[in-house]
Amino acid sequence: EGDVVILSPRFVYTLAKMIDGYSGPGTYTRVIAKVISENGAMHELSLPNDLSLTEAQYKDPTALRPAMYEDAKLFAAAGGYARVGNTIDELASAAFNNNGVLLALYVSSSGWSNKLDGMATPPAAGEQAFGHLVFVGGQKTINGKKFLIIKNSWGEQFGASGYYYLSADYEPFIMDSWVVTDVPDNLLINKNIK
């Protein structure tokens, strides 16, 4: 297996905001899949995921230099993108067969913020929740229960070094999920992720 390459969420998000036509924060999972499939994504070191930036600064297209587009093509997928099912089993299968899934779901501060073990919990009844996009990298069984392995974009200080685990309890809070097909070998994720 190849080395894990950390791609720039900021690059992908900036291109998505140029396409989606939505002026508020956030974008659509399908648009993210489209950007990765058609444009690729560059290494995060070239355009870091700086969470201290304002929304306007984060998605500012002037931050993208022409050479970045060429670099991103190195990580473009040869195929297209497709919607997949939203159950834990369907997502785990899609992650395995397509080297990951883009997953949109509702999260809450109490269910994600102080979870050093990475065990994410769904929003409680009446609790304010917001949409968030994460990456499903695989599946893990913990105490006989299946969990999706989630890579979050908030940094290593959140969850279990940037990773979270989602059980089937989370299925009602899943909004949308897409895969990018024919992912090149240089983007293969480590199937032995912990």
C-alpha atoms as a PDB file:
ATOM      1  CA  GLU A   1       0.000   0.000   0.000  1.00  0.00           C
ATOM      2  CA  GLY A   2       1.070   3.559  -0.642  1.00  0.00           C
ATOM      3  CA  ASP A   3       1.603   6.287   1.886  1.00  0.00           C
ATOM      4  CA  VAL A   4      -1.429   8.170   3.122  1.00  0.00           C
ATOM      5  CA  VAL A   5      -1.613  11.590   1.492  1.00  0.00           C
ATOM      6  CA  ILE A   6      -3.408  14.357   3.379  1.00  0.00           C
ATOM      7  CA  LEU A   7      -5.252  16.477   0.858  1.00  0.00           C
ATOM      8  CA  SER A   8      -6.279  20.093   1.307  1.00  0.00           C
ATOM      9  CA  PRO A   9      -9.918  20.421   2.409  1.00  0.00           C
ATOM     10  CA  ARG A  10      -9.531  24.154   1.835  1.00  0.00           C
ATOM     11  CA  PHE A  11      -8.634  23.697  -1.844  1.00  0.00           C
ATOM     12  CA  VAL A  12     -11.608  21.397  -2.445  1.00  0.00           C
ATOM     13  CA  TYR A  13     -14.010  23.621  -0.469  1.00  0.00           C
ATOM     14  CA  THR A  14     -12.890  26.767  -2.306  1.00  0.00           C
ATOM     15  CA  LEU A  15     -13.536  25.155  -5.687  1.00  0.00           C
ATOM     16  CA  ALA A  16     -16.875  23.793  -4.457  1.00  0.00           C
ATOM     17  CA  LYS A  17     -17.965  27.267  -3.352  1.00  0.00           C
ATOM     18  CA  MET A  18     -17.142  28.558  -6.838  1.00  0.00           C
ATOM     19  CA  ILE A  19     -19.513  25.922  -8.297  1.00  0.00           C
ATOM     20  CA  ASP A  20     -22.406  25.559  -5.849  1.00  0.00           C
ATOM     21  CA  GLY A  21     -23.829  29.085  -6.031  1.00  0.00           C
ATOM     22  CA  TYR A  22     -24.643  29.078  -2.320  1.00  0.00           C
ATOM     23  CA  SER A  23     -23.431  32.224  -0.515  1.00  0.00           C
ATOM     24  CA  GLY A  24     -23.660  30.841   3.034  1.00  0.00           C
ATOM     25  CA  PRO A  25     -21.202  28.559   4.799  1.00  0.00           C
ATOM     26  CA  GLY A  26     -21.047  24.930   3.726  1.00  0.00           C
ATOM     27  CA  THR A  27     -21.602  23.199   0.418  1.00  0.00           C
ATOM     28  CA  TYR A  28     -23.142  20.056  -0.998  1.00  0.00           C
ATOM     29  CA  THR A  29     -21.584  16.603  -0.735  1.00  0.00           C
ATOM     30  CA  ARG A  30     -22.201  15.998  -4.446  1.00  0.00           C
ATOM     31  CA  VAL A  31     -20.276  19.173  -5.340  1.00  0.00           C
ATOM     32  CA  ILE A  32     -17.296  18.059  -3.232  1.00  0.00           C
ATOM     33  CA  ALA A  33     -17.337  14.681  -5.044  1.00  0.00           C
ATOM     34  CA  LYS A  34     -17.515  16.497  -8.396  1.00  0.00           C
ATOM     35  CA  VAL A  35     -14.529  18.707  -7.533  1.00  0.00           C
ATOM     36  CA  ILE A  36     -12.385  15.761  -6.452  1.00  0.00           C
ATOM     37  CA  SER A  37     -13.397  13.707  -9.475  1.00  0.00           C
ATOM     38  CA  GLU A  38     -12.877  16.446 -12.056  1.00  0.00           C
ATOM     39  CA  ASN A  39     -10.182  18.683 -10.539  1.00  0.00           C
ATOM     40  CA  GLY A  40      -8.418  16.533  -7.966  1.00  0.00           C
ATOM     41  CA  ALA A  41      -7.120  17.898  -4.715  1.00  0.00           C
ATOM     42  CA  MET A  42      -3.727  19.151  -3.759  1.00  0.00           C
ATOM     43  CA  HIS A  43      -1.540  18.197  -0.807  1.00  0.00           C
ATOM     44  CA  GLU A  44      -2.573  20.007   2.362  1.00  0.00           C
ATOM     45  CA  LEU A  45       0.920  21.402   2.908  1.00  0.00           C
ATOM     46  CA  SER A  46       0.401  23.619  -0.173  1.00  0.00           C
ATOM     47  CA  LEU A  47      -2.855  25.115   1.138  1.00  0.00           C
ATOM     48  CA  PRO A  48      -3.264  24.314   4.857  1.00  0.00           C
ATOM     49  CA  ASN A  49      -6.606  23.770   6.542  1.00  0.00           C
ATOM     50  CA  ASP A  50      -6.359  26.928   8.665  1.00  0.00           C
ATOM     51  CA  LEU A  51      -9.446  26.911  10.904  1.00  0.00           C
ATOM     52  CA  SER A  52      -8.613  30.364  12.290  1.00  0.00           C
ATOM     53  CA  LEU A  53      -9.655  31.976   8.989  1.00  0.00           C
ATOM     54  CA  THR A  54     -13.065  33.533   8.533  1.00  0.00           C
ATOM     55  CA  GLU A  55     -15.466  31.838   6.078  1.00  0.00           C
ATOM     56  CA  ALA A  56     -14.691  34.542   3.488  1.00  0.00           C
ATOM     57  CA  GLN A  57     -10.918  34.093   3.893  1.00  0.00           C
ATOM     58  CA  TYR A  58     -11.156  30.285   3.859  1.00  0.00           C
ATOM     59  CA  LYS A  59     -13.032  30.148   0.546  1.00  0.00           C
ATOM     60  CA  ASP A  60     -11.250  33.093  -1.126  1.00  0.00           C
ATOM     61  CA  PRO A  61     -10.498  31.974  -4.705  1.00  0.00           C
ATOM     62  CA  THR A  62      -7.535  34.368  -4.954  1.00  0.00           C
ATOM     63  CA  ALA A  63      -5.671  32.029  -2.571  1.00  0.00           C
ATOM     64  CA  LEU A  64      -5.579  29.455  -5.379  1.00  0.00           C
ATOM     65  CA  ARG A  65      -2.564  29.960  -7.598  1.00  0.00           C
ATOM     66  CA  PRO A  66      -2.434  28.469 -11.144  1.00  0.00           C
ATOM     67  CA  ALA A  67       0.246  25.945 -10.156  1.00  0.00           C
ATOM     68  CA  MET A  68      -2.100  24.562  -7.485  1.00  0.00           C
ATOM     69  CA  TYR A  69      -4.542  23.412 -10.159  1.00  0.00           C
ATOM     70  CA  GLU A  70      -1.760  21.487 -11.892  1.00  0.00           C
ATOM     71  CA  ASP A  71      -0.638  19.922  -8.603  1.00  0.00           C
ATOM     72  CA  ALA A  72      -4.222  18.890  -7.867  1.00  0.00           C
ATOM     73  CA  LYS A  73      -4.459  16.950 -11.127  1.00  0.00           C
ATOM     74  CA  LEU A  74      -1.915  14.500  -9.681  1.00  0.00           C
ATOM     75  CA  PHE A  75      -4.636  13.473  -7.238  1.00  0.00           C
ATOM     76  CA  ALA A  76      -7.614  13.473  -9.602  1.00  0.00           C
ATOM     77  CA  ALA A  77      -9.800  10.391  -9.912  1.00  0.00           C
ATOM     78  CA  ALA A  78     -10.109   8.705 -13.294  1.00  0.00           C
ATOM     79  CA  GLY A  79     -13.784   7.833 -12.863  1.00  0.00           C
ATOM     80  CA  GLY A  80     -16.818   9.737 -11.789  1.00  0.00           C
ATOM     81  CA  TYR A  81     -18.771  10.051  -8.583  1.00  0.00           C
ATOM     82  CA  ALA A  82     -21.876   8.330  -7.298  1.00  0.00           C
ATOM     83  CA  ARG A  83     -24.323   8.452  -4.400  1.00  0.00           C
ATOM     84  CA  VAL A  84     -24.231   5.468  -2.040  1.00  0.00           C
ATOM     85  CA  GLY A  85     -26.521   4.117   0.686  1.00  0.00           C
ATOM     86  CA  ASN A  86     -26.594   5.576   4.177  1.00  0.00           C
ATOM     87  CA  THR A  87     -26.585   2.523   6.447  1.00  0.00           C
ATOM     88  CA  ILE A  88     -23.439   1.601   8.361  1.00  0.00           C
ATOM     89  CA  ASP A  89     -23.039  -1.592   6.301  1.00  0.00           C
ATOM     90  CA  GLU A  90     -23.555   0.199   2.969  1.00  0.00           C
ATOM     91  CA  LEU A  91     -21.110   2.946   3.933  1.00  0.00           C
ATOM     92  CA  ALA A  92     -18.485   0.455   5.151  1.00  0.00           C
ATOM     93  CA  SER A  93     -18.767  -1.519   1.902  1.00  0.00           C
ATOM     94  CA  ALA A  94     -18.570   1.635  -0.227  1.00  0.00           C
ATOM     95  CA  ALA A  95     -15.541   2.850   1.744  1.00  0.00           C
ATOM     96  CA  PHE A  96     -13.760  -0.452   1.211  1.00  0.00           C
ATOM     97  CA  ASN A  97     -14.603  -0.703  -2.500  1.00  0.00           C
ATOM     98  CA  ASN A  98     -13.931   2.955  -3.350  1.00  0.00           C
ATOM     99  CA  ASN A  99     -11.189   3.889  -0.869  1.00  0.00           C
ATOM    100  CA  GLY A 100     -13.504   6.071   1.170  1.00  0.00           C
ATOM    101  CA  VAL A 101     -16.844   7.864   1.282  1.00  0.00           C
ATOM    102  CA  LEU A 102     -17.754  11.539   1.590  1.00  0.00           C
ATOM    103  CA  LEU A 103     -20.405  11.637   4.310  1.00  0.00           C
ATOM    104  CA  ALA A 104     -22.687  14.537   5.250  1.00  0.00           C
ATOM    105  CA  LEU A 105     -24.333  14.244   8.636  1.00  0.00           C
ATOM    106  CA  TYR A 106     -25.773  16.244  11.493  1.00  0.00           C
ATOM    107  CA  VAL A 107     -23.424  16.795  14.427  1.00  0.00           C
ATOM    108  CA  SER A 108     -23.753  18.567  17.750  1.00  0.00           C
ATOM    109  CA  SER A 109     -21.184  20.142  20.020  1.00  0.00           C
ATOM    110  CA  SER A 110     -21.893  17.714  22.846  1.00  0.00           C
ATOM    111  CA  GLY A 111     -21.610  14.686  20.553  1.00  0.00           C
ATOM    112  CA  TRP A 112     -18.269  15.622  18.982  1.00  0.00           C
ATOM    113  CA  SER A 113     -16.338  18.326  20.844  1.00  0.00           C
ATOM    114  CA  ASN A 114     -14.874  16.626  23.898  1.00  0.00           C
ATOM    115  CA  LYS A 115     -14.710  13.056  22.649  1.00  0.00           C
ATOM    116  CA  LEU A 116     -11.058  12.157  23.139  1.00  0.00           C
ATOM    117  CA  ASP A 117     -11.937   8.488  22.598  1.00  0.00           C
ATOM    118  CA  GLY A 118     -13.509   9.415  19.255  1.00  0.00           C
ATOM    119  CA  MET A 119     -16.880   7.849  20.092  1.00  0.00           C
ATOM    120  CA  ALA A 120     -19.271  10.311  18.434  1.00  0.00           C
ATOM    121  CA  THR A 121     -22.833  10.426  19.692  1.00  0.00           C
ATOM    122  CA  PRO A 122     -25.856  11.622  17.716  1.00  0.00           C
ATOM    123  CA  PRO A 123     -27.510  14.931  18.601  1.00  0.00           C
ATOM    124  CA  ALA A 124     -29.924  14.617  21.510  1.00  0.00           C
ATOM    125  CA  ALA A 125     -33.612  15.452  21.072  1.00  0.00           C
ATOM    126  CA  GLY A 126     -33.996  19.230  20.948  1.00  0.00           C
ATOM    127  CA  GLU A 127     -30.234  19.841  20.777  1.00  0.00           C
ATOM    128  CA  GLN A 128     -28.989  22.240  18.115  1.00  0.00           C
ATOM    129  CA  ALA A 129     -27.233  20.344  15.329  1.00  0.00           C
ATOM    130  CA  PHE A 130     -25.439  21.478  12.199  1.00  0.00           C
ATOM    131  CA  GLY A 131     -24.441  19.822   8.949  1.00  0.00           C
ATOM    132  CA  HIS A 132     -20.869  18.627   8.576  1.00  0.00           C
ATOM    133  CA  LEU A 133     -18.892  16.706   5.944  1.00  0.00           C
ATOM    134  CA  VAL A 134     -16.479  13.951   6.986  1.00  0.00           C
ATOM    135  CA  PHE A 135     -14.564  11.139   5.290  1.00  0.00           C
ATOM    136  CA  VAL A 136     -15.396   7.472   5.962  1.00  0.00           C
ATOM    137  CA  GLY A 137     -12.174   5.499   5.793  1.00  0.00           C
ATOM    138  CA  GLY A 138     -13.307   2.068   6.917  1.00  0.00           C
ATOM    139  CA  GLN A 139     -14.990   0.019   9.595  1.00  0.00           C
ATOM    140  CA  LYS A 140     -13.978  -1.296  13.005  1.00  0.00           C
ATOM    141  CA  THR A 141     -15.646  -3.642  15.490  1.00  0.00           C
ATOM    142  CA  ILE A 142     -15.485  -2.508  19.115  1.00  0.00           C
ATOM    143  CA  ASN A 143     -16.954  -4.756  21.815  1.00  0.00           C
ATOM    144  CA  GLY A 144     -18.904  -6.666  19.158  1.00  0.00           C
ATOM    145  CA  LYS A 145     -20.473  -3.533  17.630  1.00  0.00           C
ATOM    146  CA  LYS A 146     -19.685  -2.185  14.142  1.00  0.00           C
ATOM    147  CA  PHE A 147     -18.409   1.385  13.817  1.00  0.00           C
ATOM    148  CA  LEU A 148     -17.432   3.485  10.819  1.00  0.00           C
ATOM    149  CA  ILE A 149     -13.992   5.058  11.040  1.00  0.00           C
ATOM    150  CA  ILE A 150     -14.382   8.775  10.330  1.00  0.00           C
ATOM    151  CA  LYS A 151     -11.639  11.271   9.480  1.00  0.00           C
ATOM    152  CA  ASN A 152     -12.667  14.760  10.497  1.00  0.00           C
ATOM    153  CA  SER A 153     -11.222  18.045   9.202  1.00  0.00           C
ATOM    154  CA  TRP A 154     -11.054  19.793  12.571  1.00  0.00           C
ATOM    155  CA  GLY A 155      -7.521  18.626  13.333  1.00  0.00           C
ATOM    156  CA  GLU A 156      -5.820  16.083  15.564  1.00  0.00           C
ATOM    157  CA  GLN A 157      -6.829  17.863  18.770  1.00  0.00           C
ATOM    158  CA  PHE A 158     -10.404  16.595  18.276  1.00  0.00           C
ATOM    159  CA  GLY A 159     -11.605  13.031  18.726  1.00  0.00           C
ATOM    160  CA  ALA A 160      -9.012  10.255  18.730  1.00  0.00           C
ATOM    161  CA  SER A 161      -6.222  12.177  16.976  1.00  0.00           C
ATOM    162  CA  GLY A 162      -8.686  13.560  14.408  1.00  0.00           C
ATOM    163  CA  TYR A 163     -10.699  10.342  14.003  1.00  0.00           C
ATOM    164  CA  TYR A 164     -14.190   9.460  15.206  1.00  0.00           C
ATOM    165  CA  TYR A 165     -16.257   6.284  15.340  1.00  0.00           C
ATOM    166  CA  LEU A 166     -19.922   6.172  14.289  1.00  0.00           C
ATOM    167  CA  SER A 167     -22.301   3.322  15.108  1.00  0.00           C
ATOM    168  CA  ALA A 168     -25.652   2.451  13.507  1.00  0.00           C
ATOM    169  CA  ASP A 169     -27.231   4.742  16.145  1.00  0.00           C
ATOM    170  CA  TYR A 170     -26.091   7.586  13.907  1.00  0.00           C
ATOM    171  CA  GLU A 171     -27.958   6.419  10.766  1.00  0.00           C
ATOM    172  CA  PRO A 172     -31.010   8.739  11.265  1.00  0.00           C
ATOM    173  CA  PHE A 173     -28.633  11.727  11.307  1.00  0.00           C
ATOM    174  CA  ILE A 174     -26.910  10.933   8.002  1.00  0.00           C
ATOM    175  CA  MET A 175     -27.894  13.365   5.250  1.00  0.00           C
ATOM    176  CA  ASP A 176     -26.009  12.233   2.165  1.00  0.00           C
ATOM    177  CA  SER A 177     -23.048  10.124   1.040  1.00  0.00           C
ATOM    178  CA  TRP A 178     -21.006   9.987  -2.163  1.00  0.00           C
ATOM    179  CA  VAL A 179     -17.969   8.145  -3.477  1.00  0.00           C
ATOM    180  CA  VAL A 180     -15.408   9.192  -6.037  1.00  0.00           C
ATOM    181  CA  THR A 181     -14.740   6.170  -8.245  1.00  0.00           C
ATOM    182  CA  ASP A 182     -11.436   4.956  -9.664  1.00  0.00           C
ATOM    183  CA  VAL A 183      -9.335   6.697  -7.052  1.00  0.00           C
ATOM    184  CA  PRO A 184      -5.650   6.622  -8.086  1.00  0.00           C
ATOM    185  CA  ASP A 185      -3.176   4.450  -6.169  1.00  0.00           C
ATOM    186  CA  ASN A 186      -1.430   7.476  -4.662  1.00  0.00           C
ATOM    187  CA  LEU A 187      -4.628   8.205  -2.690  1.00  0.00           C
ATOM    188  CA  LEU A 188      -5.160   4.734  -1.269  1.00  0.00           C
ATOM    189  CA  ILE A 189      -6.011   4.916   2.406  1.00  0.00           C
ATOM    190  CA  ASN A 190      -4.403   2.655   4.946  1.00  0.00           C
ATOM    191  CA  LYS A 191      -6.863  -0.205   5.435  1.00  0.00           C
ATOM    192  CA  ASN A 192      -5.232  -0.941   8.801  1.00  0.00           C
ATOM    193  CA  ILE A 193      -6.245   2.414  10.248  1.00  0.00           C
ATOM    194  CA  LYS A 194      -6.873   2.224  13.982  1.00  0.00           C
END
